[in-house]
């Protein structure tokens, strides 16, 4: 008896052939297309502000954070 190893390609093909699976896959891809630019924006512009906020808060409670 031969046991087939599961593969991502076969799984995606099977899901895409199923109507509900195709809709779910398309929904995930659309969410990814929307979320990717938002994440890039947050990393590029938001992260320095978030980092400075936590460094300032740590300094207020007496924790010394070395600057890089």
C-alpha atoms as a PDB file:
ATOM      1  CA  UNK A   1       0.000   0.000   0.000  1.00  0.00           C
ATOM      2  CA  UNK A   2       1.437   3.371  -1.080  1.00  0.00           C
ATOM      3  CA  UNK A   3       0.852   6.384   1.159  1.00  0.00           C
ATOM      4  CA  UNK A   4       0.861   9.772  -0.560  1.00  0.00           C
ATOM      5  CA  UNK A   5       2.672  12.570   1.169  1.00  0.00           C
ATOM      6  CA  UNK A   6       0.558  15.704   1.538  1.00  0.00           C
ATOM      7  CA  UNK A   7       1.663  18.708  -0.455  1.00  0.00           C
ATOM      8  CA  UNK A   8       0.674  22.344  -0.299  1.00  0.00           C
ATOM      9  CA  UNK A   9       0.062  22.457  -4.054  1.00  0.00           C
ATOM     10  CA  UNK A  10      -2.432  19.555  -3.925  1.00  0.00           C
ATOM     11  CA  UNK A  11      -4.201  21.113  -0.948  1.00  0.00           C
ATOM     12  CA  UNK A  12      -4.552  24.496  -2.672  1.00  0.00           C
ATOM     13  CA  UNK A  13      -5.742  22.829  -5.869  1.00  0.00           C
ATOM     14  CA  UNK A  14      -8.365  20.837  -3.945  1.00  0.00           C
ATOM     15  CA  UNK A  15      -9.551  23.910  -2.052  1.00  0.00           C
ATOM     16  CA  UNK A  16      -9.709  25.993  -5.230  1.00  0.00           C
ATOM     17  CA  UNK A  17     -11.796  23.360  -7.020  1.00  0.00           C
ATOM     18  CA  UNK A  18     -14.349  23.484  -4.197  1.00  0.00           C
ATOM     19  CA  UNK A  19     -16.633  26.563  -4.524  1.00  0.00           C
ATOM     20  CA  UNK A  20     -16.591  27.441  -0.829  1.00  0.00           C
ATOM     21  CA  UNK A  21     -12.860  26.849  -0.688  1.00  0.00           C
ATOM     22  CA  UNK A  22     -12.311  29.131  -3.671  1.00  0.00           C
ATOM     23  CA  UNK A  23     -14.293  31.927  -2.018  1.00  0.00           C
ATOM     24  CA  UNK A  24     -12.362  31.456   1.227  1.00  0.00           C
ATOM     25  CA  UNK A  25      -9.041  31.488  -0.607  1.00  0.00           C
ATOM     26  CA  UNK A  26      -9.982  34.658  -2.513  1.00  0.00           C
ATOM     27  CA  UNK A  27     -11.066  36.325   0.726  1.00  0.00           C
ATOM     28  CA  UNK A  28      -7.753  35.500   2.399  1.00  0.00           C
ATOM     29  CA  UNK A  29      -5.832  36.866  -0.595  1.00  0.00           C
ATOM     30  CA  UNK A  30      -7.864  40.115  -0.606  1.00  0.00           C
ATOM     31  CA  UNK A  31      -7.285  40.599   3.126  1.00  0.00           C
ATOM     32  CA  UNK A  32      -3.574  40.004   2.557  1.00  0.00           C
ATOM     33  CA  UNK A  33      -3.435  42.565  -0.254  1.00  0.00           C
ATOM     34  CA  UNK A  34      -5.076  45.132   2.025  1.00  0.00           C
ATOM     35  CA  UNK A  35      -3.038  44.270   5.121  1.00  0.00           C
ATOM     36  CA  UNK A  36       0.406  44.217   3.494  1.00  0.00           C
ATOM     37  CA  UNK A  37       0.619  47.981   2.724  1.00  0.00           C
ATOM     38  CA  UNK A  38      -0.744  48.786   6.182  1.00  0.00           C
ATOM     39  CA  UNK A  39       1.952  46.638   7.808  1.00  0.00           C
ATOM     40  CA  UNK A  40       4.672  48.185   5.644  1.00  0.00           C
ATOM     41  CA  UNK A  41       3.464  51.666   6.634  1.00  0.00           C
ATOM     42  CA  UNK A  42       3.434  50.752  10.327  1.00  0.00           C
ATOM     43  CA  UNK A  43       6.940  49.297  10.212  1.00  0.00           C
ATOM     44  CA  UNK A  44       8.372  52.202   8.213  1.00  0.00           C
ATOM     45  CA  UNK A  45       6.720  55.151   9.984  1.00  0.00           C
ATOM     46  CA  UNK A  46       5.016  53.866  13.112  1.00  0.00           C
ATOM     47  CA  UNK A  47       7.757  51.726  14.622  1.00  0.00           C
ATOM     48  CA  UNK A  48      10.149  54.590  15.520  1.00  0.00           C
ATOM     49  CA  UNK A  49       7.346  56.399  17.368  1.00  0.00           C
ATOM     50  CA  UNK A  50       6.300  53.211  19.185  1.00  0.00           C
ATOM     51  CA  UNK A  51       9.919  52.439  20.118  1.00  0.00           C
ATOM     52  CA  UNK A  52      10.517  55.958  21.441  1.00  0.00           C
ATOM     53  CA  UNK A  53       7.298  55.786  23.475  1.00  0.00           C
ATOM     54  CA  UNK A  54       8.434  52.601  25.228  1.00  0.00           C
ATOM     55  CA  UNK A  55      11.992  53.863  25.737  1.00  0.00           C
ATOM     56  CA  UNK A  56      10.612  57.053  27.312  1.00  0.00           C
ATOM     57  CA  UNK A  57       8.253  55.049  29.542  1.00  0.00           C
ATOM     58  CA  UNK A  58      11.061  52.755  30.606  1.00  0.00           C
ATOM     59  CA  UNK A  59      13.175  55.778  31.537  1.00  0.00           C
ATOM     60  CA  UNK A  60      10.375  57.159  33.690  1.00  0.00           C
ATOM     61  CA  UNK A  61      10.291  54.017  35.843  1.00  0.00           C
ATOM     62  CA  UNK A  62      14.067  53.881  36.180  1.00  0.00           C
ATOM     63  CA  UNK A  63      15.009  51.307  33.544  1.00  0.00           C
ATOM     64  CA  UNK A  64      18.056  52.334  31.521  1.00  0.00           C
ATOM     65  CA  UNK A  65      17.617  51.439  27.836  1.00  0.00           C
ATOM     66  CA  UNK A  66      20.790  51.778  25.738  1.00  0.00           C
ATOM     67  CA  UNK A  67      20.335  53.791  22.552  1.00  0.00           C
ATOM     68  CA  UNK A  68      21.434  52.153  19.317  1.00  0.00           C
END
